[in-house]
Amino acid sequence: MIVVLLGPPGSGKGTQGERLAARLGVPKLSTGDVLRAAAAAGTSLGLEAKGYMDRGDLVPDAVILGIMKEALSSPAHAAGVILDGVVRTVPQAEGLRDVTAQIGRQVDVVLLFEIDDEALVTRLSGRTTCEKCGKPFTGFTPGAPCPDGEGTLVRRKDDEPDAIRNRLRVYHAQTAPVVAWYRGAGANVQVIDAVGALDDVFARVTGAAGIA
């Protein structure tokens, strides 16, 4: 099963994607994961991607999709994969369709996590991150010690309310056309109410994915 996760920052799709991957016994991949793995492996596409990353440039879609094709073709992903953050624009959705078709596979379900923008602003602006281990926490103030390590909790600049609202505007501008494209292509798009306890949201996820 190939599952594409869509949703705004802070909607919980990463956390729920990890749980879904564990339930299905398949990997969860993000664009960053795939690029770093390919670069570390020293493949031709991986080295090309590394060149862009080392210069601080965006890796072109064509290179990302080539690496994604290699990843999806590997035995490690034969049983399926959860794709988180791989599709952000219509060209990327089109490219993923072409890549999966070339290897005789397809996206089985698109899970769209939805939550009110202001609820997300409240959720994310209340989040702190350990400057050492990078883990996010809620319910702590900046400057507090990390509960899981030796670092100090800080609020990232992109978790300030104005920055969050800007990220959400960018997300909506990019993702609305992606959702429309998937629906127009006849894809199985399932909307997930991302508000609630983790277990409640996960029950909606598994039900939408048809594995409850």
Protein backbone atom coordinates (compact mmCIF):
# COMPACT_ATOMS: atom_id res chain seq x y z
CA MET A 1 0.00 0.00 0.00
CA ILE A 2 1.33 3.44 -0.95
CA VAL A 3 -0.17 6.22 1.20
CA VAL A 4 0.35 9.94 0.59
CA LEU A 5 -0.04 12.23 3.59
CA LEU A 6 -1.18 15.83 3.10
CA GLY A 7 -1.85 18.39 5.78
CA PRO A 8 -0.71 21.72 7.20
CA PRO A 9 2.25 22.05 9.55
CA GLY A 10 1.28 20.98 13.04
CA SER A 11 -1.69 18.87 11.94
CA GLY A 12 -0.08 15.74 13.33
CA LYS A 13 0.36 13.93 10.03
CA GLY A 14 3.96 13.06 10.86
CA THR A 15 3.04 11.47 14.18
CA GLN A 16 0.06 9.63 12.72
CA GLY A 17 2.14 8.59 9.72
CA GLU A 18 4.66 6.94 12.05
CA ARG A 19 1.87 5.05 13.79
CA LEU A 20 0.33 4.00 10.50
CA ALA A 21 3.70 2.80 9.22
CA ALA A 22 4.15 0.72 12.37
CA ARG A 23 0.65 -0.75 12.05
CA LEU A 24 1.25 -1.71 8.41
CA GLY A 25 4.85 -2.77 8.96
CA VAL A 26 6.14 -0.48 6.20
CA PRO A 27 8.59 2.47 6.17
CA LYS A 28 7.58 6.12 6.36
CA LEU A 29 9.53 8.32 3.97
CA SER A 30 9.90 12.04 3.65
CA THR A 31 11.69 13.83 0.84
CA GLY A 32 14.53 14.62 3.22
CA ASP A 33 14.86 10.98 4.29
CA VAL A 34 15.12 9.81 0.69
CA LEU A 35 17.59 12.51 -0.33
CA ARG A 36 19.88 11.90 2.65
CA ALA A 37 19.81 8.13 2.13
CA ALA A 38 20.63 8.46 -1.57
CA ALA A 39 23.43 10.92 -0.87
CA ALA A 40 24.89 8.62 1.80
CA ALA A 41 24.65 5.64 -0.57
CA GLY A 42 26.59 7.55 -3.22
CA THR A 43 24.26 6.76 -6.10
CA SER A 44 24.55 8.96 -9.18
CA LEU A 45 21.27 10.71 -8.40
CA GLY A 46 22.21 10.87 -4.73
CA LEU A 47 25.47 12.61 -5.53
CA GLU A 48 23.64 15.01 -7.84
CA ALA A 49 21.17 15.81 -5.05
CA LYS A 50 24.03 16.23 -2.56
CA GLY A 51 25.57 18.84 -4.84
CA TYR A 52 22.40 20.91 -4.70
CA MET A 53 22.03 20.45 -0.94
CA ASP A 54 25.66 21.35 -0.23
CA ARG A 55 25.16 24.61 -2.14
CA GLY A 56 21.95 25.32 -0.23
CA ASP A 57 19.87 25.08 -3.41
CA LEU A 58 16.53 23.34 -3.81
CA VAL A 59 16.85 19.88 -5.33
CA PRO A 60 14.89 19.84 -8.63
CA ASP A 61 11.73 17.73 -8.79
CA ALA A 62 13.22 15.57 -11.54
CA VAL A 63 16.09 14.51 -9.28
CA ILE A 64 13.82 13.94 -6.28
CA LEU A 65 11.43 11.83 -8.33
CA GLY A 66 14.29 9.80 -9.79
CA ILE A 67 15.50 9.02 -6.27
CA MET A 68 11.94 8.28 -5.20
CA LYS A 69 11.60 5.79 -8.06
CA GLU A 70 14.76 4.02 -6.92
CA ALA A 71 13.45 3.91 -3.34
CA LEU A 72 10.00 2.60 -4.26
CA SER A 73 11.59 -0.05 -6.47
CA SER A 74 13.70 -1.43 -3.62
CA PRO A 75 12.71 -4.64 -1.76
CA ALA A 76 12.47 -2.63 1.49
CA HIS A 77 9.40 -0.87 0.12
CA ALA A 78 7.78 -3.78 -1.69
CA ALA A 79 5.02 -4.11 0.91
CA GLY A 80 4.24 -0.41 0.84
CA VAL A 81 5.31 2.98 2.12
CA ILE A 82 3.91 6.05 3.83
CA LEU A 83 4.94 9.23 1.97
CA ASP A 84 5.05 12.32 4.18
CA GLY A 85 5.84 15.67 2.57
CA VAL A 86 6.74 14.10 -0.77
CA VAL A 87 3.87 15.77 -2.63
CA ARG A 88 3.54 19.52 -2.11
CA THR A 89 2.70 20.77 -5.62
CA VAL A 90 0.73 19.55 -8.64
CA PRO A 91 3.89 18.85 -10.68
CA GLN A 92 5.14 16.66 -7.84
CA ALA A 93 1.81 14.79 -7.74
CA GLU A 94 1.98 14.28 -11.50
CA GLY A 95 5.58 13.14 -11.23
CA LEU A 96 4.79 10.63 -8.48
CA ARG A 97 1.96 9.25 -10.61
CA ASP A 98 4.36 8.74 -13.51
CA VAL A 99 7.04 7.19 -11.29
CA THR A 100 4.67 4.70 -9.68
CA ALA A 101 3.19 3.80 -13.08
CA GLN A 102 6.66 3.03 -14.41
CA ILE A 103 7.20 0.43 -11.68
CA GLY A 104 3.69 -0.98 -11.90
CA ARG A 105 2.36 0.59 -8.71
CA GLN A 106 0.01 3.39 -7.73
CA VAL A 107 -0.97 5.60 -4.82
CA ASP A 108 -3.67 3.69 -2.94
CA VAL A 109 -4.97 6.44 -0.69
CA VAL A 110 -4.35 10.14 -0.02
CA LEU A 111 -4.96 11.13 3.61
CA LEU A 112 -5.70 14.84 4.01
CA PHE A 113 -5.37 16.05 7.61
CA GLU A 114 -7.62 19.03 8.33
CA ILE A 115 -7.67 21.38 11.30
CA ASP A 116 -8.75 25.00 11.73
CA ASP A 117 -5.97 27.50 11.05
CA GLU A 118 -6.35 29.36 14.36
CA ALA A 119 -6.31 26.07 16.25
CA LEU A 120 -3.01 25.34 14.52
CA VAL A 121 -1.63 28.76 15.44
CA THR A 122 -2.48 28.07 19.07
CA ARG A 123 -1.03 24.56 18.91
CA LEU A 124 2.23 25.50 17.20
CA SER A 125 2.88 28.76 19.07
CA GLY A 126 2.65 26.76 22.30
CA ARG A 127 5.35 24.38 21.08
CA THR A 128 8.95 24.51 22.20
CA THR A 129 11.85 22.54 20.78
CA CYS A 130 14.98 21.25 22.46
CA GLU A 131 17.94 23.08 20.99
CA LYS A 132 20.09 19.96 21.49
CA CYS A 133 17.98 16.88 20.62
CA GLY A 134 15.45 18.69 18.39
CA LYS A 135 12.38 17.10 19.98
CA PRO A 136 9.21 19.25 20.15
CA PHE A 137 7.30 19.69 23.41
CA THR A 138 4.08 21.42 24.44
CA GLY A 139 3.19 22.81 27.84
CA PHE A 140 6.69 24.17 28.51
CA THR A 141 8.01 27.72 28.34
CA PRO A 142 11.13 28.72 26.40
CA GLY A 143 14.22 28.48 28.59
CA ALA A 144 13.04 25.41 30.48
CA PRO A 145 15.30 22.36 30.53
CA CYS A 146 14.54 19.60 28.02
CA PRO A 147 12.56 16.81 29.76
CA ASP A 148 14.38 14.18 27.70
CA GLY A 149 17.94 15.47 27.68
CA GLU A 150 20.45 18.10 28.61
CA GLY A 151 19.38 20.85 26.24
CA THR A 152 17.26 23.96 26.71
CA LEU A 153 13.81 24.44 25.22
CA VAL A 154 13.44 27.27 22.69
CA ARG A 155 10.65 28.51 20.45
CA ARG A 156 11.66 28.32 16.82
CA LYS A 157 11.21 31.50 14.81
CA ASP A 158 8.83 29.69 12.45
CA ASP A 159 6.62 28.83 15.44
CA GLU A 160 5.87 32.50 16.15
CA PRO A 161 2.17 33.28 15.38
CA ASP A 162 2.86 35.58 12.39
CA ALA A 163 5.29 33.08 10.89
CA ILE A 164 2.80 30.25 11.39
CA ARG A 165 0.05 32.18 9.61
CA ASN A 166 2.41 32.82 6.70
CA ARG A 167 3.32 29.10 6.52
CA LEU A 168 -0.38 28.27 6.47
CA ARG A 169 -1.04 30.72 3.62
CA VAL A 170 1.73 29.07 1.62
CA TYR A 171 0.39 25.61 2.45
CA HIS A 172 -3.16 26.44 1.36
CA ALA A 173 -1.96 28.08 -1.86
CA GLN A 174 0.11 25.01 -2.77
CA THR A 175 -2.04 22.19 -1.44
CA ALA A 176 -5.55 23.19 -2.56
CA PRO A 177 -4.60 22.59 -6.22
CA VAL A 178 -2.94 19.26 -5.26
CA VAL A 179 -6.11 18.01 -3.57
CA ALA A 180 -8.19 19.14 -6.56
CA TRP A 181 -5.77 17.35 -8.91
CA TYR A 182 -5.97 14.09 -6.99
CA ARG A 183 -9.75 14.24 -6.89
CA GLY A 184 -9.91 15.06 -10.57
CA ALA A 185 -7.65 12.08 -11.28
CA GLY A 186 -10.05 9.79 -9.42
CA ALA A 187 -7.71 9.16 -6.48
CA ASN A 188 -9.00 7.85 -3.17
CA VAL A 189 -8.79 11.07 -1.11
CA GLN A 190 -9.85 10.70 2.52
CA VAL A 191 -10.25 13.73 4.81
CA ILE A 192 -9.08 13.20 8.39
CA ASP A 193 -10.41 15.35 11.22
CA ALA A 194 -7.07 16.02 12.93
CA VAL A 195 -8.57 17.43 16.14
CA GLY A 196 -8.66 15.22 19.21
CA ALA A 197 -6.65 12.72 21.20
CA LEU A 198 -3.91 10.85 19.33
CA ASP A 199 -5.72 7.52 19.61
CA ASP A 200 -8.98 9.00 18.35
CA VAL A 201 -7.31 10.56 15.33
CA PHE A 202 -5.43 7.32 14.63
CA ALA A 203 -8.70 5.41 14.62
CA ARG A 204 -9.94 7.80 11.92
CA VAL A 205 -6.70 7.30 9.98
CA THR A 206 -6.88 3.50 10.03
CA GLY A 207 -10.56 3.59 9.13
CA ALA A 208 -9.90 5.91 6.20
CA ALA A 209 -7.01 3.72 5.04
CA GLY A 210 -9.25 0.66 5.21
CA ILE A 211 -7.17 -1.18 7.81
CA ALA A 212 -9.29 -0.69 10.95
